[in-house]
Amino acid sequence: MPNMTDGSLNLAESGAIIRYIANKYAPQMYGGDDMGAKAVIDWALEWASTNFSKDFSSASPASLSTALPPSSFPPLLSLPL
């Protein structure tokens, strides 16, 4: 299970972790003060989790190891919004 510690905060579950990191370290990219924008982002994250997680549950580690390394993608913060 994905987990992280940030100071005294211990957190688990990938969705909670990604939302925490976005809100703490890049709130402007997570909708800023616009609750509607945040809701749309949350909706997309939930949709992806619901629709893709089950597809990878039966994937073997060998098939997942053929994925491109993160270094082959541009840094997220450099993408235009």
Protein backbone atom coordinates (compact mmCIF):
# COMPACT_ATOMS: atom_id res chain seq x y z
CA MET A 1 0.00 0.00 0.00
CA PRO A 2 1.41 3.43 -0.89
CA ASN A 3 2.31 5.48 2.16
CA MET A 4 4.34 8.53 3.11
CA THR A 5 5.45 10.55 6.09
CA ASP A 6 5.79 14.32 6.05
CA GLY A 7 6.92 15.56 9.44
CA SER A 8 4.46 14.14 11.96
CA LEU A 9 1.86 13.30 9.30
CA ASN A 10 1.59 9.66 8.23
CA LEU A 11 -0.61 9.12 5.21
CA ALA A 12 -1.63 6.14 3.07
CA GLU A 13 -3.53 5.54 -0.18
CA SER A 14 -2.24 7.03 -3.41
CA GLY A 15 -5.23 9.35 -3.94
CA ALA A 16 -4.87 10.92 -0.50
CA ILE A 17 -1.11 11.25 -0.95
CA ILE A 18 -1.32 12.95 -4.35
CA ARG A 19 -3.97 15.40 -3.11
CA TYR A 20 -1.91 16.22 -0.01
CA ILE A 21 1.25 16.84 -2.02
CA ALA A 22 -0.60 18.98 -4.56
CA ASN A 23 -2.35 21.07 -1.91
CA LYS A 24 0.81 21.54 0.15
CA TYR A 25 3.46 22.06 -2.51
CA ALA A 26 1.62 23.31 -5.62
CA PRO A 27 -1.83 24.56 -4.60
CA GLN A 28 -2.05 26.85 -7.65
CA MET A 29 -1.82 23.76 -9.88
CA TYR A 30 -4.53 22.02 -7.87
CA GLY A 31 -7.23 24.58 -8.47
CA GLY A 32 -5.91 27.29 -6.14
CA ASP A 33 -8.83 28.82 -4.25
CA ASP A 34 -11.36 27.69 -6.87
CA MET A 35 -13.35 24.90 -5.24
CA GLY A 36 -15.00 24.08 -8.58
CA ALA A 37 -11.61 23.55 -10.24
CA LYS A 38 -10.50 21.36 -7.33
CA ALA A 39 -13.69 19.33 -7.66
CA VAL A 40 -13.08 18.72 -11.37
CA ILE A 41 -9.51 17.58 -10.63
CA ASP A 42 -10.79 15.27 -7.87
CA TRP A 43 -13.43 13.92 -10.25
CA ALA A 44 -10.74 13.11 -12.84
CA LEU A 45 -8.52 11.44 -10.21
CA GLU A 46 -11.42 9.33 -8.94
CA TRP A 47 -12.43 8.38 -12.49
CA ALA A 48 -8.88 7.31 -13.32
CA SER A 49 -8.59 5.33 -10.08
CA THR A 50 -11.92 3.59 -10.62
CA ASN A 51 -11.40 2.82 -14.29
CA PHE A 52 -7.70 1.99 -14.47
CA SER A 53 -6.78 0.38 -11.15
CA LYS A 54 -8.77 -2.77 -11.85
CA ASP A 55 -7.10 -3.11 -15.26
CA PHE A 56 -3.65 -3.31 -13.68
CA SER A 57 -4.55 -5.58 -10.78
CA SER A 58 -3.79 -8.72 -12.80
CA ALA A 59 -0.70 -7.35 -14.58
CA SER A 60 2.48 -9.21 -13.85
CA PRO A 61 5.57 -7.38 -12.55
CA ALA A 62 7.39 -8.44 -15.72
CA SER A 63 4.86 -6.68 -17.96
CA LEU A 64 4.94 -3.55 -15.82
CA SER A 65 8.73 -3.41 -16.00
CA THR A 66 8.55 -2.70 -19.74
CA ALA A 67 7.02 0.72 -19.11
CA LEU A 68 9.03 3.79 -20.05
CA PRO A 69 11.14 5.21 -17.22
CA PRO A 70 9.98 8.52 -15.71
CA SER A 71 13.08 10.21 -17.11
CA SER A 72 11.69 9.75 -20.64
CA PHE A 73 8.84 12.18 -19.92
CA PRO A 74 9.07 15.97 -19.60
CA PRO A 75 8.81 17.41 -16.09
CA LEU A 76 5.16 17.99 -15.21
CA LEU A 77 5.71 21.55 -14.06
CA SER A 78 7.09 22.50 -17.47
CA LEU A 79 3.89 21.57 -19.29
CA PRO A 80 1.64 24.45 -20.34
CA LEU A 81 -1.66 24.70 -18.49
